[in-house]
Amino acid sequence: MLVRVTGSHHVFKHPKSKDIVTVPHPKKDLGKGLVRAIYKGAGWKPD
């Protein structure tokens, strides 16, 4: 669930665990390392 937008960053909070993940919203693609970190922070496993 999107909680807030600060500049170019979107902050999401998991509705059950209350974990927070901050995702930049750039005008270009995200790097592989950043995508892996976002997946890890969200508790997801990359395909």
Protein backbone atom coordinates (compact mmCIF):
# COMPACT_ATOMS: atom_id res chain seq x y z
CA MET A 1 0.00 0.00 0.00
CA LEU A 2 1.41 3.38 -0.99
CA VAL A 3 1.90 5.49 2.14
CA ARG A 4 3.53 8.64 0.80
CA VAL A 5 5.56 10.13 -2.01
CA THR A 6 8.58 12.24 -1.09
CA GLY A 7 10.26 13.83 -4.08
CA SER A 8 11.06 10.98 -6.46
CA HIS A 9 10.66 8.22 -3.84
CA HIS A 10 7.52 6.18 -3.22
CA VAL A 11 7.15 4.67 0.26
CA PHE A 12 5.08 1.50 0.58
CA LYS A 13 3.94 -0.26 3.76
CA HIS A 14 2.93 -3.94 3.93
CA PRO A 15 -0.63 -4.07 5.33
CA LYS A 16 -0.04 -7.07 7.61
CA SER A 17 3.60 -6.93 8.71
CA LYS A 18 4.00 -3.12 8.69
CA ASP A 19 7.36 -3.43 6.88
CA ILE A 20 8.29 -0.37 4.84
CA VAL A 21 9.93 -0.39 1.39
CA THR A 22 11.16 2.80 -0.29
CA VAL A 23 11.32 2.74 -4.09
CA PRO A 24 12.85 5.51 -6.20
CA HIS A 25 10.79 6.60 -9.19
CA PRO A 26 13.43 7.64 -11.73
CA LYS A 27 12.97 8.51 -15.38
CA LYS A 28 15.09 5.49 -16.36
CA ASP A 29 15.17 1.77 -15.55
CA LEU A 30 16.23 0.57 -12.10
CA GLY A 31 19.48 -1.36 -11.74
CA LYS A 32 19.48 -5.12 -11.02
CA GLY A 33 20.94 -4.67 -7.55
CA LEU A 34 18.29 -2.15 -6.54
CA VAL A 35 15.51 -4.40 -7.86
CA ARG A 36 16.91 -7.32 -5.83
CA ALA A 37 17.04 -5.13 -2.71
CA ILE A 38 13.43 -4.04 -3.23
CA TYR A 39 12.33 -7.68 -3.64
CA LYS A 40 14.24 -8.67 -0.52
CA GLY A 41 12.76 -5.78 1.47
CA ALA A 42 9.26 -6.76 0.33
CA GLY A 43 9.83 -10.41 1.27
CA TRP A 44 9.48 -11.60 -2.35
CA LYS A 45 11.65 -14.11 -4.21
CA PRO A 46 12.83 -12.97 -7.65
CA ASP A 47 11.83 -15.21 -10.57
